[in-house]
Amino acid sequence: MGTQNRILNRIVAALLATVMFSLPLAAEEGRLERLFAQLQEADPADARRISGEIELELSKSGSASADLLLKRGSDALEAGDVETAIEHLTALTDHAPDFAEGWHMRAMAYAEAELFGPAVADLERALSIEPRHYHAIASLGGILAQVDRPDMAKRAFEEVLAIYPGYQDVIEALEHVERQIGGSTL
C-alpha cells in the first residue's frame, strides 16, 4: 500500500505541476483573445495602445535565453548587420521552435538579405503558430508586393485589416497595390 501511495502521490504532483505551469499560458492566450477582439472595435488611439499590448504578448518567449537571442537578432537587424541577425535568429528558432515572433523576425532578416524564399517559409511557420500575427501577414504582403505579386499582396493586406482595421501602414500599402493592380493590363 505504501508503494502505491508514493506512486499515486508522484502522479498527482506531476499533474498538478503540469496544470500550474499551463495556467499562465492559458491566461496569456485568454488575454490575447480579448486584445484581438478589442482591436477590431477600437478607435485609432485605443487601437495603437492595444496593438502595443498584443506586440508585447507576442514577444514573450517564456525563456530568458530566447529573449536574449531575439534582442540580439533584432539589434543586429536594426544595425544593418543582416548576417549576424540571421545567425542569432536561427539560434532562436532552433531553441524555441514554437515561438512565432522568432520566425517572424528571422523572416524579416531574410527579406532584408533578399532571400525571399526562406523569408516566406519562415512567415508561413510563424503564421502556423499564431495565425493572427498581423505583422507577419503584413510582412508577407510586403514581400509579395516586392516580388511583383500585387494580387496576392492585396489579399494579405486585406487579411491584416480584418484583424487590425486601423493599421495605417497596411492601409497605405493596400492603396498602393490596388493602384498597381488597377493600372495593369490583363
Foldseek 3Di string as FASTA:
>chain_A
DVVVVVVVVVVVVVVVVVVVVCVVVVVLVVVLVVLLVCLLVDDPVVNVVSVVVNVVSLLDQVDPLLNVLCVQLVVCVVVVNLVSNLVSLVVNCVVRVLRLVSLQSNLVSCVSVVVNVSSVVSLVSSCVNPVLPLVSLQVVLVSCVVVPNLVSSLVSLVSSCNRRVNPPVSVVVNVVSVVVVVPDDD
